[in-house]
């Protein structure tokens, strides 16, 4: 009889420990899910910012290209002898250096 009582007591203790482990595990899983949700929100925000940055760079590049074209036309009108490839090479190097320094 003492043996059966002892077994019941041990089973009851094990059940209590398993219940506590289950609660702890569930809390950890809930926290993990919350962190995953926050990560998704952060990544979404960062991607939006990255897209905005890329758009700004494209606009800067386009305006730089237009400025180069205008300067080339102005120099040609004034009789300055220069080919487009020299202008583009210098402009690309300048734009690249500015981009590299602003990264």
PDB file of N, CA and C in Angstrom:
ATOM      1  N   UNK A   1       0.818  -1.185   0.000  1.00  0.00           N
ATOM      2  CA  UNK A   1       0.000   0.000   0.000  1.00  0.00           C
ATOM      3  C   UNK A   1       0.876   1.268   0.000  1.00  0.00           C
ATOM      4  N   UNK A   2       1.912   1.245   0.796  1.00  0.00           N
ATOM      5  CA  UNK A   2       2.827   2.388   0.839  1.00  0.00           C
ATOM      6  C   UNK A   2       3.494   2.572  -0.513  1.00  0.00           C
ATOM      7  N   UNK A   3       3.760   1.436  -1.173  1.00  0.00           N
ATOM      8  CA  UNK A   3       4.399   1.500  -2.483  1.00  0.00           C
ATOM      9  C   UNK A   3       3.469   2.182  -3.491  1.00  0.00           C
ATOM     10  N   UNK A   4       2.160   1.820  -3.486  1.00  0.00           N
ATOM     11  CA  UNK A   4       1.198   2.430  -4.409  1.00  0.00           C
ATOM     12  C   UNK A   4       1.026   3.914  -4.111  1.00  0.00           C
ATOM     13  N   UNK A   5       0.992   4.246  -2.844  1.00  0.00           N
ATOM     14  CA  UNK A   5       0.863   5.645  -2.447  1.00  0.00           C
ATOM     15  C   UNK A   5       2.077   6.442  -2.922  1.00  0.00           C
ATOM     16  N   UNK A   6       3.242   5.825  -2.769  1.00  0.00           N
ATOM     17  CA  UNK A   6       4.485   6.460  -3.213  1.00  0.00           C
ATOM     18  C   UNK A   6       4.473   6.664  -4.732  1.00  0.00           C
ATOM     19  N   UNK A   7       3.973   5.675  -5.494  1.00  0.00           N
ATOM     20  CA  UNK A   7       3.887   5.787  -6.949  1.00  0.00           C
ATOM     21  C   UNK A   7       2.932   6.905  -7.349  1.00  0.00           C
ATOM     22  N   UNK A   8       1.780   6.972  -6.663  1.00  0.00           N
ATOM     23  CA  UNK A   8       0.810   8.029  -6.962  1.00  0.00           C
ATOM     24  C   UNK A   8       1.416   9.409  -6.695  1.00  0.00           C
ATOM     25  N   UNK A   9       2.137   9.507  -5.596  1.00  0.00           N
ATOM     26  CA  UNK A   9       2.785  10.767  -5.243  1.00  0.00           C
ATOM     27  C   UNK A   9       3.822  11.159  -6.302  1.00  0.00           C
ATOM     28  N   UNK A  10       4.619  10.195  -6.741  1.00  0.00           N
ATOM     29  CA  UNK A  10       5.645  10.458  -7.762  1.00  0.00           C
ATOM     30  C   UNK A  10       4.990  10.853  -9.094  1.00  0.00           C
ATOM     31  N   UNK A  11       3.909  10.140  -9.464  1.00  0.00           N
ATOM     32  CA  UNK A  11       3.192  10.478 -10.702  1.00  0.00           C
ATOM     33  C   UNK A  11       2.622  11.887 -10.621  1.00  0.00           C
ATOM     34  N   UNK A  12       2.101  12.227  -9.484  1.00  0.00           N
ATOM     35  CA  UNK A  12       1.536  13.554  -9.274  1.00  0.00           C
ATOM     36  C   UNK A  12       2.632  14.625  -9.380  1.00  0.00           C
ATOM     37  N   UNK A  13       3.793  14.346  -8.794  1.00  0.00           N
ATOM     38  CA  UNK A  13       4.918  15.293  -8.885  1.00  0.00           C
ATOM     39  C   UNK A  13       5.385  15.444 -10.333  1.00  0.00           C
ATOM     40  N   UNK A  14       5.484  14.312 -11.037  1.00  0.00           N
ATOM     41  CA  UNK A  14       5.902  14.354 -12.447  1.00  0.00           C
ATOM     42  C   UNK A  14       4.904  15.147 -13.281  1.00  0.00           C
ATOM     43  N   UNK A  15       3.625  14.938 -13.017  1.00  0.00           N
ATOM     44  CA  UNK A  15       2.576  15.660 -13.738  1.00  0.00           C
ATOM     45  C   UNK A  15       2.705  17.164 -13.489  1.00  0.00           C
ATOM     46  N   UNK A  16       2.957  17.525 -12.232  1.00  0.00           N
ATOM     47  CA  UNK A  16       3.145  18.937 -11.883  1.00  0.00           C
ATOM     48  C   UNK A  16       4.360  19.528 -12.575  1.00  0.00           C
ATOM     49  N   UNK A  17       5.460  18.774 -12.610  1.00  0.00           N
ATOM     50  CA  UNK A  17       6.673  19.255 -13.283  1.00  0.00           C
ATOM     51  C   UNK A  17       6.441  19.394 -14.784  1.00  0.00           C
ATOM     52  N   UNK A  18       5.760  18.405 -15.361  1.00  0.00           N
ATOM     53  CA  UNK A  18       5.480  18.462 -16.800  1.00  0.00           C
ATOM     54  C   UNK A  18       4.573  19.639 -17.134  1.00  0.00           C
ATOM     55  N   UNK A  19       3.612  19.916 -16.265  1.00  0.00           N
ATOM     56  CA  UNK A  19       2.718  21.056 -16.483  1.00  0.00           C
ATOM     57  C   UNK A  19       3.520  22.355 -16.446  1.00  0.00           C
ATOM     58  N   UNK A  20       4.431  22.471 -15.484  1.00  0.00           N
ATOM     59  CA  UNK A  20       5.265  23.668 -15.373  1.00  0.00           C
ATOM     60  C   UNK A  20       6.173  23.799 -16.593  1.00  0.00           C
ATOM     61  N   UNK A  21       6.757  22.665 -17.038  1.00  0.00           N
ATOM     62  CA  UNK A  21       7.607  22.696 -18.231  1.00  0.00           C
ATOM     63  C   UNK A  21       6.786  23.123 -19.440  1.00  0.00           C
ATOM     64  N   UNK A  22       5.575  22.622 -19.526  1.00  0.00           N
ATOM     65  CA  UNK A  22       4.696  22.957 -20.638  1.00  0.00           C
ATOM     66  C   UNK A  22       4.374  24.451 -20.638  1.00  0.00           C
ATOM     67  N   UNK A  23       4.107  25.018 -19.464  1.00  0.00           N
ATOM     68  CA  UNK A  23       3.824  26.455 -19.366  1.00  0.00           C
ATOM     69  C   UNK A  23       5.043  27.268 -19.797  1.00  0.00           C
ATOM     70  N   UNK A  24       6.210  26.857 -19.314  1.00  0.00           N
ATOM     71  CA  UNK A  24       7.446  27.560 -19.660  1.00  0.00           C
ATOM     72  C   UNK A  24       7.703  27.475 -21.161  1.00  0.00           C
ATOM     73  N   UNK A  25       7.521  26.282 -21.712  1.00  0.00           N
ATOM     74  CA  UNK A  25       7.711  26.095 -23.151  1.00  0.00           C
ATOM     75  C   UNK A  25       6.753  26.978 -23.934  1.00  0.00           C
ATOM     76  N   UNK A  26       5.513  27.038 -23.516  1.00  0.00           N
ATOM     77  CA  UNK A  26       4.512  27.857 -24.204  1.00  0.00           C
ATOM     78  C   UNK A  26       4.868  29.337 -24.124  1.00  0.00           C
ATOM     79  N   UNK A  27       5.368  29.772 -22.960  1.00  0.00           N
ATOM     80  CA  UNK A  27       5.780  31.169 -22.815  1.00  0.00           C
ATOM     81  C   UNK A  27       6.929  31.493 -23.772  1.00  0.00           C
ATOM     82  N   UNK A  28       7.874  30.563 -23.865  1.00  0.00           N
ATOM     83  CA  UNK A  28       9.018  30.766 -24.760  1.00  0.00           C
ATOM     84  C   UNK A  28       8.550  30.827 -26.212  1.00  0.00           C
ATOM     85  N   UNK A  29       7.650  29.925 -26.597  1.00  0.00           N
ATOM     86  CA  UNK A  29       7.121  29.924 -27.964  1.00  0.00           C
ATOM     87  C   UNK A  29       6.362  31.215 -28.268  1.00  0.00           C
ATOM     88  N   UNK A  30       5.578  31.681 -27.303  1.00  0.00           N
ATOM     89  CA  UNK A  30       4.844  32.938 -27.487  1.00  0.00           C
ATOM     90  C   UNK A  30       5.799  34.111 -27.678  1.00  0.00           C
ATOM     91  N   UNK A  31       6.843  34.154 -26.860  1.00  0.00           N
ATOM     92  CA  UNK A  31       7.839  35.228 -26.955  1.00  0.00           C
ATOM     93  C   UNK A  31       8.555  35.159 -28.304  1.00  0.00           C
ATOM     94  N   UNK A  32       8.871  33.934 -28.731  1.00  0.00           N
ATOM     95  CA  UNK A  32       9.532  33.737 -30.018  1.00  0.00           C
ATOM     96  C   UNK A  32       8.648  34.237 -31.160  1.00  0.00           C
ATOM     97  N   UNK A  33       7.362  33.929 -31.108  1.00  0.00           N
ATOM     98  CA  UNK A  33       6.431  34.397 -32.138  1.00  0.00           C
ATOM     99  C   UNK A  33       6.326  35.922 -32.143  1.00  0.00           C
ATOM    100  N   UNK A  34       6.332  36.502 -30.959  1.00  0.00           N
ATOM    101  CA  UNK A  34       6.279  37.962 -30.843  1.00  0.00           C
ATOM    102  C   UNK A  34       7.524  38.590 -31.467  1.00  0.00           C
ATOM    103  N   UNK A  35       8.689  37.993 -31.196  1.00  0.00           N
ATOM    104  CA  UNK A  35       9.937  38.510 -31.762  1.00  0.00           C
ATOM    105  C   UNK A  35       9.957  38.368 -33.285  1.00  0.00           C
ATOM    106  N   UNK A  36       9.425  37.263 -33.792  1.00  0.00           N
ATOM    107  CA  UNK A  36       9.355  37.077 -35.246  1.00  0.00           C
ATOM    108  C   UNK A  36       8.474  38.150 -35.880  1.00  0.00           C
ATOM    109  N   UNK A  37       7.361  38.461 -35.216  1.00  0.00           N
ATOM    110  CA  UNK A  37       6.456  39.493 -35.727  1.00  0.00           C
ATOM    111  C   UNK A  37       7.168  40.847 -35.748  1.00  0.00           C
ATOM    112  N   UNK A  38       7.899  41.148 -34.670  1.00  0.00           N
ATOM    113  CA  UNK A  38       8.645  42.410 -34.611  1.00  0.00           C
ATOM    114  C   UNK A  38       9.712  42.454 -35.703  1.00  0.00           C
ATOM    115  N   UNK A  39      10.391  41.313 -35.927  1.00  0.00           N
ATOM    116  CA  UNK A  39      11.400  41.247 -36.986  1.00  0.00           C
ATOM    117  C   UNK A  39      10.785  41.547 -38.347  1.00  0.00           C
ATOM    118  N   UNK A  40       9.597  40.993 -38.605  1.00  0.00           N
ATOM    119  CA  UNK A  40       8.925  41.251 -39.882  1.00  0.00           C
ATOM    120  C   UNK A  40       8.605  42.730 -40.029  1.00  0.00           C
ATOM    121  N   UNK A  41       8.118  43.345 -38.951  1.00  0.00           N
ATOM    122  CA  UNK A  41       7.787  44.771 -38.999  1.00  0.00           C
ATOM    123  C   UNK A  41       9.035  45.614 -39.237  1.00  0.00           C
ATOM    124  N   UNK A  42      10.116  45.263 -38.561  1.00  0.00           N
ATOM    125  CA  UNK A  42      11.374  45.998 -38.726  1.00  0.00           C
ATOM    126  C   UNK A  42      11.891  45.836 -40.151  1.00  0.00           C
ATOM    127  N   UNK A  43      11.868  44.606 -40.670  1.00  0.00           N
ATOM    128  CA  UNK A  43      12.336  44.365 -42.035  1.00  0.00           C
ATOM    129  C   UNK A  43      11.489  45.117 -43.052  1.00  0.00           C
ATOM    130  N   UNK A  44      10.184  45.155 -42.821  1.00  0.00           N
ATOM    131  CA  UNK A  44       9.286  45.891 -43.719  1.00  0.00           C
ATOM    132  C   UNK A  44       9.670  47.374 -43.737  1.00  0.00           C
ATOM    133  N   UNK A  45       9.883  47.944 -42.549  1.00  0.00           N
ATOM    134  CA  UNK A  45      10.272  49.350 -42.442  1.00  0.00           C
ATOM    135  C   UNK A  45      11.616  49.597 -43.135  1.00  0.00           C
ATOM    136  N   UNK A  46      12.597  48.718 -42.877  1.00  0.00           N
ATOM    137  CA  UNK A  46      13.921  48.895 -43.478  1.00  0.00           C
ATOM    138  C   UNK A  46      13.859  48.783 -45.000  1.00  0.00           C
ATOM    139  N   UNK A  47      13.041  47.856 -45.498  1.00  0.00           N
ATOM    140  CA  UNK A  47      12.896  47.723 -46.947  1.00  0.00           C
ATOM    141  C   UNK A  47      12.275  48.972 -47.557  1.00  0.00           C
ATOM    142  N   UNK A  48      11.280  49.557 -46.866  1.00  0.00           N
ATOM    143  CA  UNK A  48      10.681  50.799 -47.361  1.00  0.00           C
ATOM    144  C   UNK A  48      11.730  51.905 -47.420  1.00  0.00           C
ATOM    145  N   UNK A  49      12.561  51.989 -46.375  1.00  0.00           N
ATOM    146  CA  UNK A  49      13.606  53.011 -46.341  1.00  0.00           C
ATOM    147  C   UNK A  49      14.621  52.775 -47.457  1.00  0.00           C
ATOM    148  N   UNK A  50      14.967  51.511 -47.681  1.00  0.00           N
ATOM    149  CA  UNK A  50      15.931  51.175 -48.727  1.00  0.00           C
ATOM    150  C   UNK A  50      15.391  51.551 -50.103  1.00  0.00           C
ATOM    151  N   UNK A  51      14.110  51.283 -50.332  1.00  0.00           N
ATOM    152  CA  UNK A  51      13.485  51.637 -51.610  1.00  0.00           C
ATOM    153  C   UNK A  51      13.514  53.152 -51.803  1.00  0.00           C
ATOM    154  N   UNK A  52      13.229  53.901 -50.732  1.00  0.00           N
ATOM    155  CA  UNK A  52      13.276  55.371 -50.820  1.00  0.00           C
ATOM    156  C   UNK A  52      14.690  55.842 -51.167  1.00  0.00           C
ATOM    157  N   UNK A  53      15.695  55.230 -50.515  1.00  0.00           N
ATOM    158  CA  UNK A  53      17.088  55.597 -50.759  1.00  0.00           C
ATOM    159  C   UNK A  53      17.467  55.319 -52.207  1.00  0.00           C
ATOM    160  N   UNK A  54      17.069  54.148 -52.709  1.00  0.00           N
ATOM    161  CA  UNK A  54      17.384  53.802 -54.100  1.00  0.00           C
ATOM    162  C   UNK A  54      16.728  54.788 -55.054  1.00  0.00           C
ATOM    163  N   UNK A  55      15.484  55.168 -54.762  1.00  0.00           N
ATOM    164  CA  UNK A  55      14.777  56.133 -55.615  1.00  0.00           C
ATOM    165  C   UNK A  55      15.522  57.467 -55.629  1.00  0.00           C
ATOM    166  N   UNK A  56      15.997  57.906 -54.457  1.00  0.00           N
ATOM    167  CA  UNK A  56      16.754  59.163 -54.388  1.00  0.00           C
ATOM    168  C   UNK A  56      18.014  59.074 -55.241  1.00  0.00           C
ATOM    169  N   UNK A  57      18.711  57.941 -55.146  1.00  0.00           N
ATOM    170  CA  UNK A  57      19.954  57.784 -55.908  1.00  0.00           C
ATOM    171  C   UNK A  57      19.686  57.775 -57.402  1.00  0.00           C
ATOM    172  N   UNK A  58      18.582  57.143 -57.803  1.00  0.00           N
ATOM    173  CA  UNK A  58      18.234  57.121 -59.228  1.00  0.00           C
ATOM    174  C   UNK A  58      17.948  58.534 -59.711  1.00  0.00           C
ATOM    175  N   UNK A  59      17.204  59.298 -58.907  1.00  0.00           N
ATOM    176  CA  UNK A  59      16.890  60.686 -59.281  1.00  0.00           C
ATOM    177  C   UNK A  59      18.170  61.506 -59.380  1.00  0.00           C
ATOM    178  N   UNK A  60      19.073  61.322 -58.428  1.00  0.00           N
ATOM    179  CA  UNK A  60      20.351  62.046 -58.458  1.00  0.00           C
ATOM    180  C   UNK A  60      21.132  61.667 -59.712  1.00  0.00           C
ATOM    181  N   UNK A  61      21.144  60.370 -60.034  1.00  0.00           N
ATOM    182  CA  UNK A  61      21.874  59.909 -61.215  1.00  0.00           C
ATOM    183  C   UNK A  61      21.275  60.489 -62.490  1.00  0.00           C
ATOM    184  N   UNK A  62      19.936  60.488 -62.574  1.00  0.00           N
ATOM    185  CA  UNK A  62      19.272  61.038 -63.761  1.00  0.00           C
ATOM    186  C   UNK A  62      19.564  62.528 -63.893  1.00  0.00           C
ATOM    187  N   UNK A  63      19.464  63.261 -62.785  1.00  0.00           N
ATOM    188  CA  UNK A  63      19.725  64.700 -62.859  1.00  0.00           C
ATOM    189  C   UNK A  63      21.194  64.953 -63.192  1.00  0.00           C
ATOM    190  N   UNK A  64      22.092  64.108 -62.701  1.00  0.00           N
ATOM    191  CA  UNK A  64      23.511  64.251 -63.032  1.00  0.00           C
ATOM    192  C   UNK A  64      23.726  64.022 -64.523  1.00  0.00           C
ATOM    193  N   UNK A  65      23.040  63.013 -65.067  1.00  0.00           N
ATOM    194  CA  UNK A  65      23.147  62.725 -66.499  1.00  0.00           C
ATOM    195  C   UNK A  65      22.654  63.913 -67.320  1.00  0.00           C
ATOM    196  N   UNK A  66      21.510  64.481 -66.919  1.00  0.00           N
ATOM    197  CA  UNK A  66      20.960  65.634 -67.642  1.00  0.00           C
ATOM    198  C   UNK A  66      21.910  66.829 -67.558  1.00  0.00           C
ATOM    199  N   UNK A  67      22.515  67.030 -66.388  1.00  0.00           N
ATOM    200  CA  UNK A  67      23.483  68.125 -66.240  1.00  0.00           C
ATOM    201  C   UNK A  67      24.689  67.917 -67.148  1.00  0.00           C
ATOM    202  N   UNK A  68      25.130  66.676 -67.256  1.00  0.00           N
ATOM    203  CA  UNK A  68      26.275  66.374 -68.121  1.00  0.00           C
ATOM    204  C   UNK A  68      25.937  66.709 -69.572  1.00  0.00           C
ATOM    205  N   UNK A  69      24.741  66.288 -70.001  1.00  0.00           N
ATOM    206  CA  UNK A  69      24.299  66.571 -71.377  1.00  0.00           C
ATOM    207  C   UNK A  69      24.262  68.079 -71.628  1.00  0.00           C
ATOM    208  N   UNK A  70      23.711  68.814 -70.686  1.00  0.00           N
ATOM    209  CA  UNK A  70      23.613  70.273 -70.842  1.00  0.00           C
ATOM    210  C   UNK A  70      24.993  70.916 -70.906  1.00  0.00           C
ATOM    211  N   UNK A  71      25.899  70.473 -70.061  1.00  0.00           N
ATOM    212  CA  UNK A  71      27.254  71.035 -70.057  1.00  0.00           C
ATOM    213  C   UNK A  71      27.983  70.705 -71.355  1.00  0.00           C
ATOM    214  N   UNK A  72      27.777  69.479 -71.841  1.00  0.00           N
ATOM    215  CA  UNK A  72      28.403  69.080 -73.106  1.00  0.00           C
ATOM    216  C   UNK A  72      27.922  69.982 -74.246  1.00  0.00           C
ATOM    217  N   UNK A  73      26.610  70.211 -74.315  1.00  0.00           N
ATOM    218  CA  UNK A  73      26.037  71.066 -75.367  1.00  0.00           C
ATOM    219  C   UNK A  73      26.581  72.491 -75.261  1.00  0.00           C
ATOM    220  N   UNK A  74      26.675  72.974 -74.028  1.00  0.00           N
ATOM    221  CA  UNK A  74      27.181  74.337 -73.803  1.00  0.00           C
ATOM    222  C   UNK A  74      28.633  74.461 -74.263  1.00  0.00           C
ATOM    223  N   UNK A  75      29.452  73.452 -73.934  1.00  0.00           N
ATOM    224  CA  UNK A  75      30.862  73.499 -74.339  1.00  0.00           C
ATOM    225  C   UNK A  75      31.003  73.400 -75.855  1.00  0.00           C
ATOM    226  N   UNK A  76      30.182  72.568 -76.474  1.00  0.00           N
ATOM    227  CA  UNK A  76      30.236  72.425 -77.934  1.00  0.00           C
ATOM    228  C   UNK A  76      29.850  73.738 -78.620  1.00  0.00           C
ATOM    229  N   UNK A  77      28.813  74.399 -78.083  1.00  0.00           N
ATOM    230  CA  UNK A  77      28.368  75.679 -78.660  1.00  0.00           C
ATOM    231  C   UNK A  77      29.472  76.722 -78.593  1.00  0.00           C
ATOM    232  N   UNK A  78      30.238  76.695 -77.510  1.00  0.00           N
ATOM    233  CA  UNK A  78      31.290  77.698 -77.338  1.00  0.00           C
ATOM    234  C   UNK A  78      32.538  77.369 -78.157  1.00  0.00           C
ATOM    235  N   UNK A  79      32.535  76.196 -78.825  1.00  0.00           N
ATOM    236  CA  UNK A  79      33.671  75.847 -79.668  1.00  0.00           C
ATOM    237  C   UNK A  79      34.715  75.001 -78.962  1.00  0.00           C
ATOM    238  N   UNK A  80      34.480  74.640 -77.724  1.00  0.00           N
ATOM    239  CA  UNK A  80      35.420  73.806 -76.974  1.00  0.00           C
ATOM    240  C   UNK A  80      35.391  72.402 -77.554  1.00  0.00           C
ATOM    241  N   UNK A  81      36.555  71.880 -77.933  1.00  0.00           N
ATOM    242  CA  UNK A  81      36.612  70.572 -78.593  1.00  0.00           C
ATOM    243  C   UNK A  81      36.821  69.462 -77.555  1.00  0.00           C
ATOM    244  N   UNK A  82      35.759  68.717 -77.295  1.00  0.00           N
ATOM    245  CA  UNK A  82      35.839  67.597 -76.346  1.00  0.00           C
ATOM    246  C   UNK A  82      34.839  66.537 -76.793  1.00  0.00           C
ATOM    247  N   UNK A  83      35.209  65.285 -76.612  1.00  0.00           N
ATOM    248  CA  UNK A  83      34.258  64.236 -77.007  1.00  0.00           C
ATOM    249  C   UNK A  83      33.432  63.797 -75.801  1.00  0.00           C
ATOM    250  N   UNK A  84      32.288  63.217 -76.120  1.00  0.00           N
ATOM    251  CA  UNK A  84      31.346  62.813 -75.072  1.00  0.00           C
ATOM    252  C   UNK A  84      31.932  61.749 -74.147  1.00  0.00           C
ATOM    253  N   UNK A  85      32.726  60.853 -74.689  1.00  0.00           N
ATOM    254  CA  UNK A  85      33.255  59.757 -73.866  1.00  0.00           C
ATOM    255  C   UNK A  85      34.131  60.289 -72.732  1.00  0.00           C
ATOM    256  N   UNK A  86      34.887  61.351 -72.997  1.00  0.00           N
ATOM    257  CA  UNK A  86      35.713  61.952 -71.943  1.00  0.00           C
ATOM    258  C   UNK A  86      34.835  62.537 -70.848  1.00  0.00           C
ATOM    259  N   UNK A  87      33.788  63.225 -71.259  1.00  0.00           N
ATOM    260  CA  UNK A  87      32.872  63.822 -70.280  1.00  0.00           C
ATOM    261  C   UNK A  87      32.211  62.735 -69.444  1.00  0.00           C
ATOM    262  N   UNK A  88      31.711  61.696 -70.124  1.00  0.00           N
ATOM    263  CA  UNK A  88      31.028  60.625 -69.393  1.00  0.00           C
ATOM    264  C   UNK A  88      31.976  59.886 -68.451  1.00  0.00           C
ATOM    265  N   UNK A  89      33.181  59.638 -68.924  1.00  0.00           N
ATOM    266  CA  UNK A  89      34.154  58.942 -68.076  1.00  0.00           C
ATOM    267  C   UNK A  89      34.433  59.767 -66.819  1.00  0.00           C
ATOM    268  N   UNK A  90      34.673  61.053 -66.998  1.00  0.00           N
ATOM    269  CA  UNK A  90      34.934  61.921 -65.844  1.00  0.00           C
ATOM    270  C   UNK A  90      33.707  62.031 -64.941  1.00  0.00           C
ATOM    271  N   UNK A  91      32.540  62.148 -65.557  1.00  0.00           N
ATOM    272  CA  UNK A  91      31.306  62.266 -64.768  1.00  0.00           C
ATOM    273  C   UNK A  91      31.041  60.993 -63.974  1.00  0.00           C
ATOM    274  N   UNK A  92      31.212  59.855 -64.626  1.00  0.00           N
ATOM    275  CA  UNK A  92      30.981  58.582 -63.929  1.00  0.00           C
ATOM    276  C   UNK A  92      31.956  58.431 -62.776  1.00  0.00           C
ATOM    277  N   UNK A  93      33.206  58.796 -62.999  1.00  0.00           N
ATOM    278  CA  UNK A  93      34.185  58.722 -61.906  1.00  0.00           C
ATOM    279  C   UNK A  93      33.795  59.637 -60.750  1.00  0.00           C
ATOM    280  N   UNK A  94      33.338  60.842 -61.065  1.00  0.00           N
ATOM    281  CA  UNK A  94      32.910  61.782 -60.024  1.00  0.00           C
ATOM    282  C   UNK A  94      31.698  61.258 -59.272  1.00  0.00           C
ATOM    283  N   UNK A  95      30.700  60.787 -60.022  1.00  0.00           N
ATOM    284  CA  UNK A  95      29.487  60.246 -59.390  1.00  0.00           C
ATOM    285  C   UNK A  95      29.840  59.047 -58.523  1.00  0.00           C
ATOM    286  N   UNK A  96      30.714  58.196 -59.031  1.00  0.00           N
ATOM    287  CA  UNK A  96      31.118  57.012 -58.264  1.00  0.00           C
ATOM    288  C   UNK A  96      31.810  57.419 -56.964  1.00  0.00           C
ATOM    289  N   UNK A  97      32.712  58.373 -57.042  1.00  0.00           N
ATOM    290  CA  UNK A  97      33.422  58.823 -55.837  1.00  0.00           C
ATOM    291  C   UNK A  97      32.450  59.423 -54.824  1.00  0.00           C
ATOM    292  N   UNK A  98      31.496  60.221 -55.296  1.00  0.00           N
ATOM    293  CA  UNK A  98      30.486  60.791 -54.388  1.00  0.00           C
ATOM    294  C   UNK A  98      29.656  59.694 -53.746  1.00  0.00           C
ATOM    295  N   UNK A  99      29.248  58.731 -54.549  1.00  0.00           N
ATOM    296  CA  UNK A  99      28.448  57.610 -54.031  1.00  0.00           C
ATOM    297  C   UNK A  99      29.244  56.821 -52.997  1.00  0.00           C
ATOM    298  N   UNK A 100      30.495  56.543 -53.319  1.00  0.00           N
ATOM    299  CA  UNK A 100      31.357  55.759 -52.426  1.00  0.00           C
ATOM    300  C   UNK A 100      31.566  56.491 -51.099  1.00  0.00           C
ATOM    301  N   UNK A 101      31.744  57.788 -51.159  1.00  0.00           N
ATOM    302  CA  UNK A 101      31.968  58.571 -49.937  1.00  0.00           C
ATOM    303  C   UNK A 101      30.706  58.732 -49.101  1.00  0.00           C
ATOM    304  N   UNK A 102      29.534  58.642 -49.728  1.00  0.00           N
ATOM    305  CA  UNK A 102      28.269  58.830 -49.009  1.00  0.00           C
ATOM    306  C   UNK A 102      27.623  57.532 -48.562  1.00  0.00           C
ATOM    307  N   UNK A 103      28.242  56.403 -48.842  1.00  0.00           N
ATOM    308  CA  UNK A 103      27.649  55.106 -48.450  1.00  0.00           C
ATOM    309  C   UNK A 103      27.549  54.971 -46.969  1.00  0.00           C
TER     310      UNK A 103
END
